[in-house]
Amino acid sequence: MVKHPNLIFIPSSPSPYKILIRLIVCVLVGMIASVSLAMPAFYWIMSLFSNLSFNSFRSRLIIGQVFVSLGGFIFAPLIYWRYATKGKSPFFSNYKNLNIKNFVIVLSLMLVSMVINSWFIKWNADLKLPSWLSSFEAWAKQQEDARQQIIDIITNFNSLGSFLIGIVVIGIIPAFGEEILFRGIIQNIICSIKKNMSFSIVITAFVFSAIHVQFYGFIPRFLLGILFGYIYWYTNNLIYPIFAHFVHNSLVVTMLFLKQKSIVQYDINENEAAPIPLTLLCCFIVVFLIHILKAKKNLLVSNESDHSRI
């Protein structure tokens, strides 16, 4: 087994390329199996709660989303990873090293980065492609509209209960699943191939954004993926990017719920860019917070190096 700095163990055999290919196959099989199980599960749940009123189509979408996320992004990768590493690469073995300061830093990072990302969200949403890419642009807009319709249905909260379900389906499950798969496994595999963490973070973020099939949201999601990757690198703990992912998704869900209940007037779907002075201030805060995480990581590495000499 070969250990790379700040990462979990990667098997030296088979090759990382074979591990990556087998992982992709495993994820696809997990997603297909999950979709196959989603509908029987839907009717079973309906039979258990037949006395309650459900929006049938919305319920199907939610259950389908849950099954695909659990099967394709959590269970399938974890089962394969345990098999590939013979159980020697647990993701959460260093949970005892968690500390409240890092959680506060990560929370602050997500809050201020959302302000900065508002500019990229607006720019990407308003992007006009050249005429020779008109066919791709039409396809991208069609995919975007279809995806947005699904999101609008899932995030149509008519009660506090539906809002809490939204937090679980959009906030908690994707945070665990996507971070385990992308940052926990894929980023580590790419690093074992290229021996360059920054390159691994960028490539993983690209794949993470592309897999959502939303061209007009690609750049802001790509930048979020980079931020999650560096949070993982500097903290050496997958819990922190999971927390960051959860905070981001849950804040979006919460703002949608508050707007629907007329508690706030701000509509997060309007893609408005934050004021320039506030954005510049947030840029400074992001750099400062990243520097703190990096300094803490360098101190930890230095201390481990000193101990190894004793």
Foldseek 3Di string as FASTA:
>chain_A
DDDFPLAFDDDPPPALVVLVVVLVVLLVVQQVVLQVVQVVVLVVVCVVPVVDDDPSVLSSLLSSLLSSLCRRQPPSNVVSVCVRVVNRGDQAPVVVPDDPVLLVLLLLLLVLVVQLLLVVLLCLLPDDDDPVCVVVVVVLVVQQVVVVVSVCSQLPDPDPVSLVSQLVSFQQSCLVRVLCRQQRPQLVSVCVVVVDNLVSQQVSLQCSLVVVSRRSCSVSSSVLSSVLNLSCRLVSHSVSSSSSRNSNRSVLSVVSVCCSVVVDVDDPVVSDRHDPVSSVVSVVSNVVSSVVSNVVSVVVVVVVVVVVVD
